Protein backbone atom coordinates (compact mmCIF):
# COMPACT_ATOMS: atom_id res chain seq x y z
CA MET A 1 47.66 83.78 18.24
CA LYS A 2 45.38 84.22 15.03
CA GLY A 3 47.01 81.17 12.65
CA LYS A 4 46.55 79.05 15.91
CA VAL A 5 43.32 80.55 16.14
CA PHE A 6 42.74 79.86 12.65
CA GLY A 7 43.42 76.40 13.26
CA LEU A 8 41.09 76.02 16.08
CA VAL A 9 38.14 76.84 13.96
CA VAL A 10 39.10 74.40 11.23
CA PHE A 11 39.30 71.69 13.53
CA ALA A 12 36.71 72.47 15.65
CA VAL A 13 34.09 72.99 11.81
CA ALA A 14 35.96 69.19 10.95
CA MET A 15 34.72 67.26 14.17
CA ALA A 16 31.43 68.83 14.07
CA LEU A 17 31.17 67.53 10.22
CA VAL A 18 32.07 63.63 12.30
CA GLU A 19 29.83 64.63 14.87
CA ALA A 20 26.93 64.84 12.48
CA ALA A 21 27.92 62.53 10.15
CA VAL A 22 26.91 59.99 13.46
CA VAL A 23 24.39 61.07 13.76
CA VAL A 24 22.95 60.76 10.86
CA TYR A 25 24.51 56.67 10.73
CA LEU A 26 22.42 56.82 14.20
CA ARG A 27 18.87 57.69 12.92
CA GLU A 28 19.33 55.59 9.77
CA LEU A 29 20.54 52.25 12.51
CA LEU A 30 17.02 53.59 14.85
CA GLY A 31 14.48 54.30 11.90
CA ASN A 32 14.20 57.59 10.23
CA GLY A 33 11.38 59.96 11.46
CA PRO A 34 11.03 62.49 13.84
CA LEU A 35 12.88 62.56 16.49
CA PHE A 36 10.20 62.56 19.25
CA PRO A 37 8.44 61.06 20.32
CA MET A 38 12.34 59.20 21.71
CA LYS A 39 13.45 55.76 20.89
CA GLU A 40 15.01 53.53 22.84
CA ILE A 41 18.46 53.29 21.81
CA PRO A 42 19.90 49.22 22.24
CA PRO A 43 21.92 48.97 25.42
CA ASN A 44 25.19 48.18 23.39
CA LEU A 45 24.82 51.47 21.06
CA LEU A 46 23.52 53.33 24.10
CA THR A 47 27.31 52.48 25.77
CA LEU A 48 29.20 52.94 22.61
CA GLU A 49 27.67 56.58 22.10
CA ILE A 50 28.09 57.97 25.53
CA GLY A 51 31.77 56.74 25.53
CA ARG A 52 31.84 58.49 22.21
CA GLU A 53 30.15 61.54 23.26
CA THR A 54 32.71 61.72 26.41
CA ALA A 55 35.86 61.07 23.89
CA THR A 56 34.45 64.14 21.85
CA ILE A 57 34.82 66.59 25.07
CA VAL A 58 37.93 65.15 25.50
CA MET A 59 39.04 65.79 22.13
CA LEU A 60 37.71 69.03 22.09
CA ALA A 61 39.69 69.87 25.51
CA ALA A 62 43.48 67.88 24.85
CA VAL A 63 43.22 70.52 21.27
CA ALA A 64 42.73 73.74 23.50
CA TRP A 65 44.98 72.60 26.12
CA LEU A 66 47.55 72.09 23.18
CA SER A 67 47.13 75.08 21.44
CA PHE A 68 48.32 77.87 24.60
CA ARG A 69 50.60 78.49 27.32
CA GLY A 70 48.60 79.55 30.23
CA ASP A 71 45.23 78.12 32.04
CA MET A 72 43.19 81.24 30.94
CA ARG A 73 44.47 80.54 27.16
CA ARG A 74 43.68 77.36 27.43
CA MET A 75 39.92 77.97 28.51
CA GLY A 76 39.26 80.45 26.15
CA ALA A 77 40.90 78.21 23.57
CA PHE A 78 38.22 75.04 24.48
CA LEU A 79 35.15 77.44 25.01
CA LEU A 80 36.31 78.54 21.28
CA VAL A 81 36.05 75.09 19.88
CA PHE A 82 33.53 74.14 21.80
CA ALA A 83 30.93 76.93 20.46
CA ILE A 84 32.25 76.69 16.81
CA TRP A 85 31.89 72.80 17.15
CA ASP A 86 28.32 72.76 18.41
CA ALA A 87 26.95 75.70 16.31
CA SER A 88 28.49 73.92 13.05
CA TYR A 89 27.20 70.55 14.08
CA TYR A 90 23.52 72.02 13.07
CA GLY A 91 24.85 73.87 9.69
CA TRP A 92 25.94 70.28 8.75
CA LEU A 93 23.25 68.24 9.55
CA ARG A 94 20.82 71.14 7.69
CA ALA A 95 23.20 70.24 4.67
CA ALA A 96 23.16 66.68 5.29
CA ILE A 97 19.51 65.84 5.84
CA GLY A 98 17.83 69.37 5.81
CA TRP A 99 17.26 69.27 9.62
CA PRO A 100 16.49 71.44 11.77
CA HIS A 101 13.95 72.98 10.10
CA GLY A 102 14.28 76.07 12.35
CA ILE A 103 15.81 76.74 15.96
CA GLY A 104 12.53 76.23 17.76
CA ASP A 105 13.28 72.96 16.77
CA TRP A 106 13.91 70.02 20.12
CA ASP A 107 16.99 68.31 20.02
CA ILE A 108 18.37 65.11 21.75
CA LEU A 109 21.77 67.16 22.93
CA PHE A 110 23.66 64.85 25.35
CA LEU A 111 23.06 61.19 26.99
CA ILE A 112 25.38 61.33 29.91
CA PRO A 113 24.10 60.45 32.41
CA THR A 114 20.77 60.52 31.08
CA PRO A 115 19.27 61.99 27.92
CA TRP A 116 19.03 66.10 27.65
CA VAL A 117 16.52 67.71 25.08
CA GLY A 118 16.28 71.17 24.69
CA PRO A 119 15.23 73.78 21.49
CA VAL A 120 18.18 74.36 19.40
CA TRP A 121 18.12 78.18 20.03
CA SER A 122 19.02 77.36 23.56
CA VAL A 123 21.82 75.45 22.57
CA LEU A 124 23.47 78.04 20.15
CA LEU A 125 22.52 81.06 22.98
CA ILE A 126 25.06 78.83 25.11
CA CYS A 127 27.28 78.81 22.11
CA ALA A 128 27.23 82.62 21.60
CA GLY A 129 28.20 83.30 24.80
CA MET A 130 30.92 80.69 25.00
CA PHE A 131 32.36 82.47 22.34
CA VAL A 132 32.19 86.36 24.06
CA PHE A 133 34.22 84.68 27.01
CA ALA A 134 36.35 82.96 24.55
CA VAL A 135 37.48 85.70 22.91
CA LEU A 136 38.00 87.58 26.55
CA PHE A 137 39.85 84.48 27.77
CA LEU A 138 42.96 84.53 24.53
CA GLY A 139 43.08 88.26 25.16
CA ALA A 140 44.70 87.39 28.88
CA SER A 141 48.19 87.37 28.52
CA GLU A 142 50.16 84.23 28.18
CA GLU A 143 51.10 83.20 31.80
CA ALA A 144 47.73 84.10 33.35
CA PRO A 145 46.22 81.38 35.27
CA PHE A 146 42.49 80.33 35.34
CA GLN A 147 41.75 81.55 38.50
CA PRO A 148 37.68 82.32 38.78
CA GLY A 149 37.85 82.15 43.22
CA PHE A 150 34.97 81.20 45.39
CA TRP A 151 32.60 83.48 43.96
CA GLY A 152 33.64 82.89 40.57
CA TRP A 153 33.56 78.67 41.29
CA ALA A 154 30.59 79.47 43.11
CA THR A 155 28.48 81.32 40.00
CA GLY A 156 29.60 78.81 37.51
CA LEU A 157 29.08 75.42 39.11
CA SER A 158 25.52 76.98 39.74
CA GLY A 159 25.09 77.87 36.56
CA THR A 160 26.16 74.60 34.69
CA GLY A 161 24.02 73.18 36.98
CA LEU A 162 20.69 74.83 36.56
CA VAL A 163 21.25 74.86 32.88
CA VAL A 164 21.99 71.07 32.69
CA ALA A 165 19.14 70.53 35.28
CA THR A 166 16.72 72.28 32.98
CA TYR A 167 17.70 69.93 29.99
CA ILE A 168 17.70 66.67 32.22
CA LEU A 169 14.24 67.34 33.67
CA GLU A 170 12.53 68.07 30.49
CA TRP A 171 13.48 64.88 29.10
CA ARG A 172 12.04 64.11 32.38
CA LYS A 173 8.82 65.23 30.99
CA ILE A 174 8.52 63.26 27.93
CA GLY A 175 10.33 59.49 28.53
CA TYR A 176 11.12 57.02 25.94
CA GLY A 177 8.25 57.01 23.18
CA THR A 178 5.37 58.98 25.25
CA GLY A 179 5.80 62.54 24.26
CA VAL A 180 6.79 65.25 22.12
CA PRO A 181 8.20 68.05 23.87
CA THR A 182 6.21 71.69 23.93
CA THR A 183 7.19 74.12 26.32
CA PHE A 184 10.94 75.33 27.64
CA SER A 185 11.40 75.73 31.46
CA PHE A 186 13.36 79.02 29.99
CA LEU A 187 13.43 80.70 33.76
CA PRO A 188 15.84 78.09 35.62
CA TYR A 189 17.66 78.08 31.94
CA LEU A 190 17.94 82.05 31.90
CA GLY A 191 19.22 81.96 35.49
CA GLY A 192 21.99 79.57 34.71
CA LEU A 193 22.57 81.38 31.58
CA VAL A 194 23.07 84.73 33.53
CA LEU A 195 24.99 82.80 36.87
CA LEU A 196 27.31 81.58 33.90
CA GLY A 197 27.34 85.07 32.25
CA ILE A 198 28.81 86.32 36.14
CA ALA A 199 31.25 83.51 36.74
CA GLY A 200 33.33 84.19 33.15
CA TRP A 201 33.34 88.22 34.02
CA ILE A 202 34.34 87.61 37.14
CA THR A 203 37.16 85.08 36.18
CA TRP A 204 37.96 87.89 33.20
CA ARG A 205 38.40 90.81 35.87
CA ARG A 206 40.52 88.51 37.86
CA VAL A 207 43.72 88.02 35.39
CA PRO A 208 46.05 90.74 33.36
CA VAL A 209 44.33 91.05 29.98
CA LEU A 210 45.64 92.45 26.68
CA LEU A 211 42.60 91.84 24.40
CA TRP A 212 44.86 90.51 21.30
């Protein structure tokens, strides 16, 4: 278990460097300067970038799937690599270009299906929650299935929808080249986090647990 987890962490940190390097290249192509007001990405680059983002998530899911037996542990592995990858990404960017200056800086998070924007701290908070449930899920017995049940799925999907909707609505407020984010819609974001936490707890309580 410890060897596999160590390997996943190494993979996630390395993937984060690849992600950070791509972002640095994109900034060079689009012109250096502050992220906001946002610049429109040329259609060919936008299509390629959406494909790359999709491929990154597929790669994280694939390595998690290959690492363990049992769907519960696989989900834990996915949450672990996603959390480490996303948090390390900001560390690599800071080392490479001195950004973000702090966790209050805003970032462009995803482009699928439209841009998501939000402060760095909100992403790191999600990563922290993913890490906690990664530890819990990896502590499940080897053959434990991932079975959230009705309420687990309902709260999980609702929470995910609230968080994603918050990020997309923040983008809708500013659009391309017309504004700089000033305030964050904290309440719907917090509501989404609470629902996700409930979903994780429900799921964890439904399976045999070894806790390492």
